[in-house]
Amino acid sequence: SRLCDRPLRPLFPSGFMNETQVIGLLMSSDGENEPDILMVNAASAAMMISDIPWNGPIAGIRLGLINGQFVVNPTNSQRGESDLDLIYVGNEKDMMMIEGSAQELPDDKFIEALEFAQKAIQPLIAAQKQLAKVAGKAKKNFPLVKVEDNFLAKVRGMVHNSLKAAVFKEGQKQDRDDAVTAVYDDTKTKLSTEMGEAFNENQLKMAFEVLQEELYRENILNDGKRADGRGVKQLRQISCTAGVLPRVHGSALFNRGETQALVITTLAAQKEAQELDGLTGGPTKKSFILHYNFPPFSTGETGRFGNTGRREIGHGNLAERSLVAVLPNDDDFPYAIRVVSEIMASNGSTSMASVCGGCLSLMDAGVPLKAPVAGISCGLVTANDASGKINKHVVLTDIIGAEDHFGDMDFKICGSPNGITGFQLDLKIHGLPIEIAKEAIRQNAIARADILKVMTTELSNPRPTLGAHAPRIHVAQINPEKIGALIGPGGKNIRRIVEVSGAQIDINEDNSGKV
C-alpha cells in the first residue's frame, strides 16, 4: 500500500480534496514473482484511464545486482543471490520513489543502479500512455480547495513579521509551535471581529499553512537559515548510551536533537524464529525481526493504542532491512533476534534513530555485527522557473518535522563504513532529477560518517560476551544415525535430559546431526 501511495500522492493537483481510493486485489500468485511491482504499475494504469485528474503516468521495477550485473524484476530465487533489492518508481524524466536494501553497496554503484532503473521503466511509461489513448476517460474538472488570493494577501500583511519571529523562535519545537499558535489566535480574533459572519476559519488555516511554508522555504533558499538555527549541512546534537536497561539482553538510547529512540534487543533459540505464511513464495522463516512503536506521547499528543499502522510497519521494515546486511550468519550465531524500537520523542527521522539505536543495542547484546550501521535523512527545498523547471535548490541534512512537512523530499539512507545497506525516498514534488539525487547521496554519506564517529565512541565493538541474562546456545555434532537414540522411544530420552538439565534441546530438521 505504501509503495503505491507514496509515488501517486504528489501527482494530484494542489487543492484536490476529493476522497480517492485505489484498491489492489491479489487474485493469484506463482510464488516466484512478487506482486508489489505489478500493483504499482497497475495503480498508475488505473489512474491513467480514469476520469480523475492526475499528473501521471509513473512506472516501477525491482532491480537486483547478481554477479555484478543488474537484473530487472528478479524472481524470488534470484533475489536470494542479489546484493541489491531496489524498488524504483519514476515518471518519464525523474525519480519519484525508491525503497530497498543492499549488501554494503558503494555510493557510485548505487547511483549507477538508479540511472539504470530510470531507463528500464520507460517501456512501462510508454505502454500506459498508449493504454490511456485507447481506453482512457476524459478527465473531469473538480473544484480545487485553496485560500483566496485577496484573503491571503490580507493575512500576509497582518502577520508577516510576527509569524516569522514565531517560526524562527529560539528554543524547542514546542516553543515555536506555541508561538505560531499565539499569532494564529490573535489573528483569528482580529479577523472575526472585523469581518463578522464573512469570516471563514478554514481560509485562515490554509493561509497560515501557505505563509509558514513560504517562510521556511524562502529563508532556506535565500539565506540558508533553518528554523532551529542550523546550517543546511549541519547535524543536530547527537548523544547515545548503550546498556541503559538492567534486565534486557541489550539496550541503547539514541538522541538526535528532539528525536529519541530507546531500542531493546532480545535473543532466543532459532526455534523462536518468526514463521512466515505468505502468498508469494520466498523464505518461510525469519530469524531477525525489528519492531517500531510510535506512541502518541512522542509528539506531545494523546491518542489511541490500536493496531499497528502502515507507517509503523514501513518504518520498522526500513530499519530492519538496514541492519540485516551486517548481521552474522546463522551458522556463526545461531540465535533468533528481536529488536524493538520505542520512540520516546519525535521531531524528524525516528526510523533513522531506530537504525542507529538498533545497531548499538545489538552490539550491547553481544551480537557480532560485521560493521556498525548509521542512518540519516536528507531533505530538499526547491524553486521553479516560469516553465516549472527547478532552477534553485538546497539539500538539507537531518531534517526536522517541519522541514519534512513544508519541504520537498525525505531521502533516508543507511550504511556502514563499507557502503549502503538501506534506503527510502519520499517526494512531494513531481520528480527528483538525478543530479540532485547524487548530491543528496554524497551529503548523506558525510553525515552518516559523522554519526558513526559518535556511536563508535560510545561502543566501538560488540560486547565480547552475551548479556548476563541472554540464553547461551551450544551446538554439538552427533552421528546422524544416533538421532533416534537421542530422542528415544516416544521422545523419552530427550524429555528426560531437558527435565534434568533445564536446557532446551533442538535437533536440526535436515538430518545433519546438528544438536
Protein backbone atom coordinates (compact mmCIF):
# COMPACT_ATOMS: atom_id res chain seq x y z
CA SER A 1 0.00 0.00 0.00
CA ARG A 2 2.79 2.45 0.89
CA LEU A 3 4.72 1.59 -2.27
CA CYS A 4 1.68 2.71 -4.31
CA ASP A 5 0.61 5.64 -2.16
CA ARG A 6 3.92 7.45 -1.96
CA PRO A 7 4.55 7.98 -5.71
CA LEU A 8 0.85 8.51 -6.56
CA ARG A 9 0.07 11.13 -3.91
CA PRO A 10 2.32 14.03 -5.12
CA LEU A 11 0.80 13.95 -8.61
CA PHE A 12 -2.73 15.06 -7.68
CA PRO A 13 -3.50 18.75 -8.30
CA SER A 14 -2.86 21.08 -5.38
CA GLY A 15 -6.18 21.71 -3.65
CA PHE A 16 -7.79 18.47 -4.89
CA MET A 17 -9.66 17.35 -1.75
CA ASN A 18 -11.99 14.69 -3.15
CA GLU A 19 -11.57 11.32 -1.43
CA THR A 20 -9.78 8.98 -3.82
CA GLN A 21 -9.27 5.27 -3.29
CA VAL A 22 -7.03 2.92 -5.26
CA ILE A 23 -7.60 -0.72 -4.35
CA GLY A 24 -5.45 -3.64 -5.46
CA LEU A 25 -6.62 -7.24 -5.01
CA LEU A 26 -4.17 -10.10 -5.48
CA MET A 27 -6.07 -12.86 -7.29
CA SER A 28 -3.29 -15.38 -7.85
CA SER A 29 0.44 -15.81 -7.32
CA ASP A 30 3.04 -18.03 -8.97
CA GLY A 31 5.26 -17.93 -5.86
CA GLU A 32 8.24 -16.67 -7.83
CA ASN A 33 7.29 -13.10 -8.77
CA GLU A 34 6.32 -10.58 -6.10
CA PRO A 35 3.04 -8.76 -6.82
CA ASP A 36 4.11 -5.41 -5.34
CA ILE A 37 5.74 -4.10 -8.53
CA LEU A 38 2.76 -5.25 -10.59
CA MET A 39 0.45 -3.35 -8.21
CA VAL A 40 2.42 -0.09 -8.51
CA ASN A 41 2.15 -0.20 -12.30
CA ALA A 42 -1.49 -1.30 -12.18
CA ALA A 43 -2.35 1.57 -9.83
CA SER A 44 -0.79 4.06 -12.24
CA ALA A 45 -2.55 2.48 -15.22
CA ALA A 46 -5.90 2.63 -13.40
CA MET A 47 -5.37 6.32 -12.63
CA MET A 48 -4.39 7.00 -16.23
CA ILE A 49 -7.61 5.56 -17.73
CA SER A 50 -9.85 7.05 -15.01
CA ASP A 51 -11.56 10.45 -15.13
CA ILE A 52 -9.64 11.56 -12.01
CA PRO A 53 -7.19 14.48 -12.53
CA TRP A 54 -3.66 13.17 -12.02
CA ASN A 55 -0.27 14.04 -13.46
CA GLY A 56 0.95 10.52 -14.35
CA PRO A 57 1.97 8.03 -15.51
CA ILE A 58 4.54 6.50 -13.20
CA ALA A 59 6.17 3.10 -13.50
CA GLY A 60 8.16 0.84 -11.21
CA ILE A 61 10.57 -2.08 -11.30
CA ARG A 62 12.54 -4.12 -8.81
CA LEU A 63 16.27 -4.10 -9.59
CA GLY A 64 18.73 -6.73 -8.42
CA LEU A 65 22.52 -6.97 -8.68
CA ILE A 66 23.64 -10.55 -9.28
CA ASN A 67 27.30 -11.38 -10.00
CA GLY A 68 27.92 -7.72 -10.78
CA GLN A 69 25.09 -7.48 -13.33
CA PHE A 70 21.81 -5.57 -12.93
CA VAL A 71 18.71 -7.76 -13.23
CA VAL A 72 15.26 -6.20 -13.76
CA ASN A 73 12.46 -7.80 -11.73
CA PRO A 74 14.42 -10.78 -10.37
CA THR A 75 12.43 -13.79 -9.19
CA ASN A 76 12.32 -14.77 -5.52
CA SER A 77 15.01 -17.40 -6.03
CA GLN A 78 17.23 -14.86 -7.84
CA ARG A 79 16.73 -12.28 -5.08
CA GLY A 80 18.44 -14.64 -2.63
CA GLU A 81 21.65 -14.23 -4.63
CA SER A 82 21.36 -10.46 -5.14
CA ASP A 83 23.49 -7.76 -3.49
CA LEU A 84 20.75 -5.18 -4.13
CA ASP A 85 16.98 -5.09 -3.67
CA LEU A 86 15.91 -1.75 -5.17
CA ILE A 87 12.27 -0.84 -5.79
CA TYR A 88 12.42 2.11 -8.17
CA VAL A 89 9.42 4.21 -9.25
CA GLY A 90 9.75 7.14 -11.62
CA ASN A 91 8.00 9.19 -14.26
CA GLU A 92 9.19 9.88 -17.81
CA LYS A 93 12.04 12.14 -16.67
CA ASP A 94 12.76 11.76 -12.96
CA MET A 95 12.75 9.53 -9.90
CA MET A 96 9.57 9.52 -7.78
CA MET A 97 10.16 6.95 -5.03
CA ILE A 98 12.71 4.32 -4.04
CA GLU A 99 12.79 1.71 -1.33
CA GLY A 100 15.03 -1.22 -0.54
CA SER A 101 18.26 -2.62 0.83
CA ALA A 102 21.76 -3.56 -0.24
CA GLN A 103 24.78 -5.53 0.89
CA GLU A 104 27.01 -2.55 1.79
CA LEU A 105 26.83 -1.17 -1.75
CA PRO A 106 29.28 1.65 -2.68
CA ASP A 107 27.67 5.04 -3.39
CA ASP A 108 28.81 5.07 -7.03
CA LYS A 109 27.24 1.67 -7.71
CA PHE A 110 24.03 2.84 -6.04
CA ILE A 111 23.90 5.88 -8.33
CA GLU A 112 24.56 3.62 -11.32
CA ALA A 113 21.60 1.45 -10.25
CA LEU A 114 19.29 4.49 -10.10
CA GLU A 115 20.31 5.59 -13.59
CA PHE A 116 19.84 2.05 -14.93
CA ALA A 117 16.38 1.76 -13.35
CA GLN A 118 15.19 5.09 -14.78
CA LYS A 119 15.90 3.79 -18.28
CA ALA A 120 14.32 0.41 -17.53
CA ILE A 121 10.90 1.89 -16.63
CA GLN A 122 10.47 3.76 -19.92
CA PRO A 123 8.70 0.92 -21.81
CA LEU A 124 6.16 0.74 -18.97
CA ILE A 125 5.59 4.51 -19.20
CA ALA A 126 5.07 4.27 -22.96
CA ALA A 127 2.64 1.35 -22.59
CA GLN A 128 0.47 3.26 -20.12
CA LYS A 129 0.33 6.31 -22.39
CA GLN A 130 -0.81 4.08 -25.22
CA LEU A 131 -3.40 2.44 -22.95
CA ALA A 132 -4.78 5.85 -21.98
CA LYS A 133 -5.21 6.76 -25.64
CA VAL A 134 -7.16 3.57 -26.28
CA ALA A 135 -9.19 3.21 -23.07
CA GLY A 136 -8.88 6.44 -21.10
CA LYS A 137 -11.84 8.56 -19.99
CA ALA A 138 -11.88 12.33 -20.30
CA LYS A 139 -10.61 13.92 -17.10
CA LYS A 140 -13.24 15.70 -15.01
CA ASN A 141 -12.87 19.17 -13.58
CA PHE A 142 -13.16 19.30 -9.80
CA PRO A 143 -13.25 22.46 -7.67
CA LEU A 144 -9.86 22.94 -6.01
CA VAL A 145 -9.87 23.99 -2.37
CA LYS A 146 -7.37 26.84 -1.97
CA VAL A 147 -7.02 30.02 0.03
CA GLU A 148 -8.38 33.06 -1.82
CA ASP A 149 -5.67 35.39 -3.14
CA ASN A 150 -7.15 38.55 -1.61
CA PHE A 151 -7.60 36.92 1.78
CA LEU A 152 -4.05 35.50 1.68
CA ALA A 153 -2.65 38.95 0.88
CA LYS A 154 -4.63 40.45 3.76
CA VAL A 155 -3.37 37.88 6.27
CA ARG A 156 0.20 38.20 4.99
CA GLY A 157 0.12 41.93 5.62
CA MET A 158 -1.19 41.37 9.15
CA VAL A 159 1.17 38.62 10.36
CA HIS A 160 4.33 38.53 8.25
CA ASN A 161 6.72 39.89 10.90
CA SER A 162 5.09 38.23 13.91
CA LEU A 163 4.77 34.86 12.16
CA LYS A 164 8.39 35.00 11.01
CA ALA A 165 9.51 35.68 14.59
CA ALA A 166 7.42 32.71 15.78
CA VAL A 167 8.69 30.29 13.12
CA PHE A 168 12.32 31.17 13.88
CA LYS A 169 11.93 31.50 17.64
CA GLU A 170 14.89 30.09 19.59
CA GLY A 171 14.26 27.03 21.69
CA GLN A 172 12.47 23.74 21.19
CA LYS A 173 9.82 22.67 18.68
CA GLN A 174 7.09 23.20 21.26
CA ASP A 175 8.24 26.79 21.82
CA ARG A 176 7.90 27.52 18.09
CA ASP A 177 4.54 25.74 17.88
CA ASP A 178 3.20 27.72 20.84
CA ALA A 179 4.41 30.99 19.32
CA VAL A 180 2.73 30.21 15.96
CA THR A 181 -0.49 29.27 17.78
CA ALA A 182 -0.44 32.59 19.66
CA VAL A 183 -0.11 34.51 16.37
CA TYR A 184 -2.92 32.45 14.86
CA ASP A 185 -5.26 33.02 17.80
CA ASP A 186 -4.60 36.76 17.77
CA THR A 187 -5.22 36.96 14.02
CA LYS A 188 -8.41 34.91 14.30
CA THR A 189 -9.76 37.27 16.98
CA LYS A 190 -9.00 40.37 14.90
CA LEU A 191 -10.42 39.00 11.65
CA SER A 192 -13.58 37.55 13.20
CA THR A 193 -14.29 40.96 14.79
CA GLU A 194 -13.54 42.82 11.56
CA MET A 195 -15.31 40.50 9.09
CA GLY A 196 -18.19 39.18 11.20
CA GLU A 197 -20.14 36.38 9.53
CA ALA A 198 -18.00 36.65 6.40
CA PHE A 199 -15.02 35.27 8.34
CA ASN A 200 -14.07 31.70 7.29
CA GLU A 201 -11.67 29.96 9.65
CA ASN A 202 -10.81 27.27 7.09
CA GLN A 203 -9.46 30.05 4.86
CA LEU A 204 -7.35 31.29 7.78
CA LYS A 205 -5.96 27.80 8.44
CA MET A 206 -4.99 27.43 4.78
CA ALA A 207 -3.46 30.92 4.77
CA PHE A 208 -1.28 30.10 7.78
CA GLU A 209 -0.18 26.87 6.12
CA VAL A 210 0.85 28.75 2.95
CA LEU A 211 2.62 31.55 4.85
CA GLN A 212 4.59 29.18 7.08
CA GLU A 213 5.67 27.21 4.02
CA GLU A 214 6.84 30.42 2.34
CA LEU A 215 8.88 31.42 5.41
CA TYR A 216 10.58 28.05 5.79
CA ARG A 217 11.42 27.77 2.11
CA GLU A 218 12.43 31.36 1.32
CA ASN A 219 14.78 31.62 4.28
CA ILE A 220 16.49 28.34 3.40
CA LEU A 221 16.78 29.18 -0.30
CA ASN A 222 17.88 32.80 0.14
CA ASP A 223 19.79 32.83 3.44
CA GLY A 224 20.48 29.17 4.27
CA LYS A 225 18.62 29.81 7.53
CA ARG A 226 16.72 26.95 9.17
CA ALA A 227 14.05 27.27 11.85
CA ASP A 228 16.28 25.77 14.56
CA GLY A 229 19.29 27.91 13.61
CA ARG A 230 21.44 25.21 11.96
CA GLY A 231 23.31 25.43 8.69
CA VAL A 232 21.94 23.40 5.78
CA LYS A 233 24.52 20.60 6.19
CA GLN A 234 24.65 20.61 9.99
CA LEU A 235 23.53 17.66 12.10
CA ARG A 236 21.65 18.23 15.32
CA GLN A 237 23.36 17.40 18.62
CA ILE A 238 23.80 13.63 18.90
CA SER A 239 24.30 11.53 22.03
CA CYS A 240 23.91 7.83 22.72
CA THR A 241 24.25 5.41 25.61
CA ALA A 242 24.49 1.62 25.41
CA GLY A 243 23.36 -0.70 28.19
CA VAL A 244 20.71 1.55 29.76
CA LEU A 245 18.28 -1.16 30.92
CA PRO A 246 19.47 -3.68 33.55
CA ARG A 247 17.44 -6.81 32.77
CA VAL A 248 17.19 -6.99 28.98
CA HIS A 249 19.77 -8.70 26.77
CA GLY A 250 20.86 -5.49 25.08
CA SER A 251 19.70 -1.87 25.01
CA ALA A 252 20.63 1.60 23.80
CA LEU A 253 19.29 5.14 23.99
CA PHE A 254 19.92 7.27 20.89
CA ASN A 255 19.24 11.03 20.81
CA ARG A 256 19.44 13.36 17.82
CA GLY A 257 18.05 16.77 18.66
CA GLU A 258 14.50 16.27 19.91
CA THR A 259 14.26 12.76 18.45
CA GLN A 260 14.90 9.93 20.90
CA ALA A 261 14.70 6.14 20.48
CA LEU A 262 15.05 3.55 23.23
CA VAL A 263 15.94 0.28 21.49
CA ILE A 264 15.92 -3.18 23.09
CA THR A 265 17.42 -6.43 21.79
CA THR A 266 16.26 -9.91 22.83
CA LEU A 267 17.96 -13.18 21.89
CA ALA A 268 16.37 -16.62 21.70
CA ALA A 269 16.91 -20.04 20.18
CA GLN A 270 16.29 -20.27 16.44
CA LYS A 271 13.24 -22.35 17.23
CA GLU A 272 11.67 -18.99 18.17
CA ALA A 273 12.20 -17.55 14.67
CA GLN A 274 9.09 -15.98 13.16
CA GLU A 275 7.26 -18.28 10.78
CA LEU A 276 6.14 -16.64 7.54
CA ASP A 277 2.96 -17.76 5.82
CA GLY A 278 2.58 -15.70 2.68
CA LEU A 279 1.09 -15.93 -0.79
CA THR A 280 4.16 -15.12 -2.82
CA GLY A 281 6.84 -17.69 -2.03
CA GLY A 282 10.18 -16.68 -0.56
CA PRO A 283 11.53 -17.68 2.87
CA THR A 284 9.28 -19.46 5.36
CA LYS A 285 11.11 -18.28 8.50
CA LYS A 286 12.68 -15.07 9.69
CA SER A 287 15.29 -15.10 12.46
CA PHE A 288 15.71 -11.30 12.70
CA ILE A 289 12.75 -9.04 13.45
CA LEU A 290 12.70 -5.30 14.16
CA HIS A 291 9.53 -3.73 15.54
CA TYR A 292 8.95 0.03 15.67
CA ASN A 293 6.49 1.64 18.08
CA PHE A 294 5.39 5.28 17.81
CA PRO A 295 3.31 6.15 20.89
CA PRO A 296 1.31 9.39 20.78
CA PHE A 297 3.25 10.91 23.71
CA SER A 298 6.36 11.02 21.49
CA THR A 299 4.88 14.07 19.75
CA GLY A 300 3.28 15.54 22.86
CA GLU A 301 -0.19 14.30 21.99
CA THR A 302 -2.82 11.89 23.27
CA GLY A 303 -4.10 9.08 21.11
CA ARG A 304 -5.34 5.53 20.95
CA PHE A 305 -3.14 2.46 21.09
CA GLY A 306 -4.51 0.13 18.43
CA ASN A 307 -3.40 -2.00 15.52
CA THR A 308 0.00 -1.26 14.02
CA GLY A 309 -0.42 1.25 11.19
CA ARG A 310 1.14 1.26 7.73
CA ARG A 311 3.60 3.95 8.78
CA GLU A 312 4.89 1.94 11.74
CA ILE A 313 5.19 -1.20 9.62
CA GLY A 314 7.07 0.72 6.93
CA HIS A 315 9.48 2.36 9.38
CA GLY A 316 10.15 -0.97 11.10
CA ASN A 317 10.81 -2.66 7.76
CA LEU A 318 13.23 0.09 6.71
CA ALA A 319 15.23 -0.17 9.95
CA GLU A 320 15.18 -3.97 9.79
CA ARG A 321 16.45 -4.08 6.19
CA SER A 322 19.20 -1.61 7.01
CA LEU A 323 20.65 -3.82 9.76
CA VAL A 324 20.28 -7.25 8.13
CA ALA A 325 23.35 -6.75 5.92
CA VAL A 326 25.73 -6.64 8.91
CA LEU A 327 24.25 -9.49 10.96
CA PRO A 328 26.34 -12.63 11.44
CA ASN A 329 25.41 -15.80 9.59
CA ASP A 330 23.02 -18.17 11.37
CA ASP A 331 25.72 -20.86 11.48
CA ASP A 332 28.12 -18.49 13.27
CA PHE A 333 25.49 -17.02 15.61
CA PRO A 334 22.55 -19.45 15.90
CA TYR A 335 20.08 -17.10 17.57
CA ALA A 336 16.71 -15.63 16.73
CA ILE A 337 16.96 -11.88 17.33
CA ARG A 338 14.18 -9.41 18.07
CA VAL A 339 14.84 -5.66 18.23
CA VAL A 340 12.14 -3.26 19.43
CA SER A 341 12.47 0.49 18.91
CA GLU A 342 10.36 2.52 21.32
CA ILE A 343 10.17 6.14 20.15
CA MET A 344 10.30 8.32 23.26
CA ALA A 345 10.30 11.68 21.45
CA SER A 346 9.91 12.63 17.81
CA ASN A 347 10.95 15.59 15.70
CA GLY A 348 12.16 14.07 12.46
CA SER A 349 13.59 10.75 11.22
CA THR A 350 12.68 8.38 14.03
CA SER A 351 13.30 5.46 11.67
CA MET A 352 16.92 6.57 11.31
CA ALA A 353 17.23 6.88 15.09
CA SER A 354 15.88 3.31 15.24
CA VAL A 355 18.69 2.14 12.94
CA CYS A 356 21.40 3.87 15.00
CA GLY A 357 19.92 2.79 18.32
CA GLY A 358 19.25 -0.69 16.96
CA CYS A 359 22.88 -1.10 15.93
CA LEU A 360 24.11 -0.06 19.40
CA SER A 361 21.53 -2.28 21.10
CA LEU A 362 22.66 -5.30 19.07
CA MET A 363 26.30 -4.58 19.90
CA ASP A 364 25.39 -4.18 23.58
CA ALA A 365 23.75 -7.63 23.46
CA GLY A 366 26.99 -9.12 22.16
CA VAL A 367 25.75 -9.79 18.62
CA PRO A 368 28.93 -9.90 16.49
CA LEU A 369 27.94 -7.40 13.78
CA LYS A 370 30.22 -7.24 10.75
CA ALA A 371 30.26 -3.42 10.92
CA PRO A 372 28.32 -0.62 12.64
CA VAL A 373 25.44 0.99 10.72
CA ALA A 374 24.01 4.52 10.93
CA GLY A 375 21.27 6.30 9.03
CA ILE A 376 20.16 9.87 8.43
CA SER A 377 17.64 11.71 6.27
CA CYS A 378 18.27 14.49 3.78
CA GLY A 379 15.59 16.97 2.76
CA LEU A 380 15.16 19.37 -0.15
CA VAL A 381 13.79 22.82 -0.88
CA THR A 382 13.37 23.91 -4.50
CA ALA A 383 12.29 26.92 -6.54
CA ASN A 384 10.99 26.67 -10.12
CA ASP A 385 11.24 28.94 -13.13
CA ALA A 386 8.25 30.04 -15.24
CA SER A 387 8.25 26.72 -17.12
CA GLY A 388 8.09 24.72 -13.88
CA LYS A 389 11.68 23.51 -14.10
CA ILE A 390 13.79 23.54 -10.92
CA ASN A 391 16.20 26.48 -11.14
CA LYS A 392 17.32 26.65 -7.50
CA HIS A 393 17.60 24.06 -4.76
CA VAL A 394 19.11 23.37 -1.35
CA VAL A 395 19.71 19.88 0.07
CA LEU A 396 19.23 19.74 3.86
CA THR A 397 20.98 17.33 6.22
CA ASP A 398 18.97 15.89 9.14
CA ILE A 399 15.54 17.40 8.60
CA ILE A 400 13.19 18.21 11.47
CA GLY A 401 9.46 17.52 11.28
CA ALA A 402 8.52 20.94 9.90
CA GLU A 403 11.15 20.68 7.15
CA ASP A 404 9.68 17.32 6.16
CA HIS A 405 6.18 18.84 6.15
CA PHE A 406 6.98 22.06 4.27
CA GLY A 407 9.89 20.71 2.19
CA ASP A 408 10.02 18.63 -0.98
CA MET A 409 11.85 15.44 -0.01
CA ASP A 410 12.63 12.90 2.68
CA PHE A 411 15.58 10.81 1.46
CA LYS A 412 16.75 8.28 4.06
CA ILE A 413 19.95 6.31 3.54
CA CYS A 414 21.61 3.91 5.98
CA GLY A 415 25.01 2.31 5.74
CA SER A 416 28.22 1.08 7.28
CA PRO A 417 31.71 2.45 6.58
CA ASN A 418 31.76 -0.05 3.68
CA GLY A 419 28.61 1.04 1.88
CA ILE A 420 24.83 1.46 1.75
CA THR A 421 22.53 -1.06 3.47
CA GLY A 422 19.07 0.56 3.34
CA PHE A 423 17.24 3.47 1.68
CA GLN A 424 13.86 5.10 1.19
CA LEU A 425 12.81 8.19 -0.77
CA ASP A 426 9.54 10.15 -0.45
CA LEU A 427 8.80 13.23 -2.57
CA LYS A 428 6.21 16.00 -2.56
CA ILE A 429 7.29 17.35 -5.95
CA HIS A 430 6.73 15.83 -9.41
CA GLY A 431 10.10 14.13 -9.64
CA LEU A 432 13.71 14.26 -8.42
CA PRO A 433 16.39 14.95 -11.07
CA ILE A 434 19.30 12.50 -10.85
CA GLU A 435 21.86 15.27 -10.30
CA ILE A 436 20.07 16.42 -7.13
CA ALA A 437 19.78 12.78 -6.03
CA LYS A 438 23.55 12.38 -6.44
CA GLU A 439 24.14 15.50 -4.34
CA ALA A 440 21.89 14.15 -1.59
CA ILE A 441 23.62 10.75 -1.63
CA ARG A 442 27.06 12.38 -1.23
CA GLN A 443 25.81 14.70 1.52
CA ASN A 444 24.17 11.80 3.33
CA ALA A 445 27.41 9.78 3.30
CA ILE A 446 29.28 12.59 5.09
CA ALA A 447 26.57 12.84 7.74
CA ARG A 448 26.49 9.06 8.29
CA ALA A 449 30.23 9.04 8.86
CA ASP A 450 29.87 11.79 11.49
CA ILE A 451 27.12 9.84 13.28
CA LEU A 452 29.20 6.65 13.23
CA LYS A 453 32.02 8.50 14.98
CA VAL A 454 29.69 9.37 17.87
CA MET A 455 28.27 5.82 18.01
CA THR A 456 31.64 4.08 17.99
CA THR A 457 32.95 6.44 20.66
CA GLU A 458 30.20 5.07 22.93
CA LEU A 459 30.67 1.43 21.85
CA SER A 460 33.44 0.69 19.38
CA ASN A 461 32.80 -3.05 19.03
CA PRO A 462 30.17 -5.61 20.03
CA ARG A 463 30.47 -6.76 23.65
CA PRO A 464 32.86 -9.74 23.80
CA THR A 465 30.25 -11.84 25.65
CA LEU A 466 26.48 -12.03 25.59
CA GLY A 467 24.44 -10.09 28.12
CA ALA A 468 24.19 -11.66 31.57
CA HIS A 469 20.54 -12.61 31.10
CA ALA A 470 20.76 -13.79 27.48
CA PRO A 471 20.39 -17.52 26.76
CA ARG A 472 23.54 -19.48 25.87
CA ILE A 473 23.45 -21.75 22.86
CA HIS A 474 25.87 -24.64 22.42
CA VAL A 475 25.99 -26.64 19.20
CA ALA A 476 27.03 -30.31 19.18
CA GLN A 477 27.54 -32.51 16.15
CA ILE A 478 26.46 -36.12 16.57
CA ASN A 479 26.30 -39.06 14.19
CA PRO A 480 23.04 -38.60 12.23
CA GLU A 481 22.35 -42.30 12.76
CA LYS A 482 22.22 -41.68 16.53
CA ILE A 483 19.41 -39.06 16.36
CA GLY A 484 16.83 -41.74 17.11
CA ALA A 485 18.75 -42.89 20.16
CA LEU A 486 18.97 -39.32 21.47
CA ILE A 487 15.24 -38.83 21.07
CA GLY A 488 14.35 -42.26 22.49
CA PRO A 489 11.06 -44.11 22.22
CA GLY A 490 8.24 -41.54 22.12
CA GLY A 491 10.77 -38.81 22.93
CA LYS A 492 11.54 -40.32 26.35
CA ASN A 493 15.31 -39.74 26.33
CA ILE A 494 15.29 -36.13 25.14
CA ARG A 495 12.47 -35.20 27.55
CA ARG A 496 14.45 -36.67 30.45
CA ILE A 497 17.57 -34.69 29.52
CA VAL A 498 15.50 -31.48 29.35
CA GLU A 499 13.92 -32.20 32.75
CA VAL A 500 17.25 -32.86 34.46
CA SER A 501 19.30 -30.10 32.84
CA GLY A 502 16.70 -27.34 32.36
CA ALA A 503 18.03 -26.85 28.83
CA GLN A 504 16.06 -26.64 25.62
CA ILE A 505 17.26 -29.16 23.03
CA ASP A 506 16.59 -28.73 19.32
CA ILE A 507 17.67 -31.10 16.57
CA ASN A 508 18.11 -29.70 13.07
CA GLU A 509 15.41 -30.95 10.74
CA ASP A 510 17.89 -31.55 7.89
CA ASN A 511 19.17 -34.84 9.44
CA SER A 512 22.68 -33.40 9.62
CA GLY A 513 23.12 -34.45 13.24
CA LYS A 514 23.47 -30.88 14.47
CA VAL A 515 22.03 -30.52 18.01
